[in-house]
Amino acid sequence: AIGGQGVALMSRQLIEDELREGRLMQPFGPVMEGKPFYLVYPEGRRDDPTIKAVRDWVVGVPGGLCEVTG
């Protein structure tokens, strides 16, 4: 969408910078309130580098994309 090749359905939390800087625009509503989501993986793979990278990214998204439990 940023390259002018289409549209995207995105979480506002993930694209706030792009909207503010004009790289993306919101042509219409509605804006839907986000709901929590779950990152689920086998307990035995908790320390897998790929899973850890995804988990760290999700937890680090500005605006609190999710909360950590367990």
Protein backbone atom coordinates (compact mmCIF):
# COMPACT_ATOMS: atom_id res chain seq x y z
CA ALA A 1 0.00 0.00 0.00
CA ILE A 2 2.86 2.39 0.78
CA GLY A 3 4.22 1.85 -2.73
CA GLY A 4 0.87 2.79 -4.29
CA GLN A 5 0.05 -0.77 -5.29
CA GLY A 6 -3.19 -1.29 -3.38
CA VAL A 7 -4.88 -1.14 -0.02
CA ALA A 8 -4.23 -2.74 3.34
CA LEU A 9 -6.35 -3.61 6.35
CA MET A 10 -4.08 -2.88 9.28
CA SER A 11 -4.03 -2.27 12.98
CA ARG A 12 -3.69 1.48 13.54
CA GLN A 13 -1.15 0.73 16.25
CA LEU A 14 1.16 -0.75 13.65
CA ILE A 15 0.89 2.13 11.16
CA GLU A 16 0.59 5.28 13.32
CA ASP A 17 3.94 6.62 12.09
CA GLU A 18 3.03 6.07 8.43
CA LEU A 19 -0.32 7.84 8.88
CA ARG A 20 1.22 10.76 10.76
CA GLU A 21 3.98 11.21 8.16
CA GLY A 22 1.58 10.91 5.20
CA ARG A 23 2.99 7.70 3.75
CA LEU A 24 -0.43 6.09 4.21
CA MET A 25 -3.91 7.54 4.40
CA GLN A 26 -7.16 6.25 5.83
CA PRO A 27 -9.73 6.87 3.08
CA PHE A 28 -12.76 5.76 5.09
CA GLY A 29 -13.89 4.20 8.36
CA PRO A 30 -14.92 2.65 10.51
CA VAL A 31 -12.09 2.40 12.95
CA MET A 32 -12.67 -0.77 14.92
CA GLU A 33 -11.39 -1.19 18.44
CA GLY A 34 -8.63 -3.75 18.63
CA LYS A 35 -9.12 -6.96 20.50
CA PRO A 36 -6.34 -8.88 22.22
CA PHE A 37 -4.71 -11.67 20.31
CA TYR A 38 -2.65 -14.60 21.42
CA LEU A 39 0.77 -15.77 20.33
CA VAL A 40 0.71 -19.51 20.89
CA TYR A 41 3.64 -21.88 20.58
CA PRO A 42 4.76 -25.16 22.16
CA GLU A 43 6.31 -24.66 25.60
CA GLY A 44 9.33 -26.66 24.48
CA ARG A 45 10.10 -24.03 21.80
CA ARG A 46 9.88 -21.04 24.15
CA ASP A 47 13.59 -20.26 23.69
CA ASP A 48 13.66 -20.92 19.93
CA PRO A 49 15.36 -17.84 18.38
CA THR A 50 12.63 -17.38 15.74
CA ILE A 51 9.80 -17.57 18.27
CA LYS A 52 11.69 -15.29 20.65
CA ALA A 53 12.19 -12.72 17.87
CA VAL A 54 8.48 -12.68 17.01
CA ARG A 55 7.49 -12.56 20.68
CA ASP A 56 9.89 -9.67 21.37
CA TRP A 57 8.57 -7.76 18.34
CA VAL A 58 4.91 -8.21 19.32
CA VAL A 59 5.54 -7.17 22.92
CA GLY A 60 7.63 -4.18 21.80
CA VAL A 61 5.07 -2.62 19.42
CA PRO A 62 4.34 0.92 20.61
CA GLY A 63 0.85 1.39 21.95
CA GLY A 64 0.60 -2.01 23.58
CA LEU A 65 -0.46 -4.39 20.81
CA CYS A 66 -0.71 -7.11 23.43
CA GLU A 67 -0.02 -7.86 27.04
CA VAL A 68 2.07 -10.68 28.39
CA THR A 69 0.53 -13.33 30.62
CA GLY A 70 1.76 -16.58 32.05
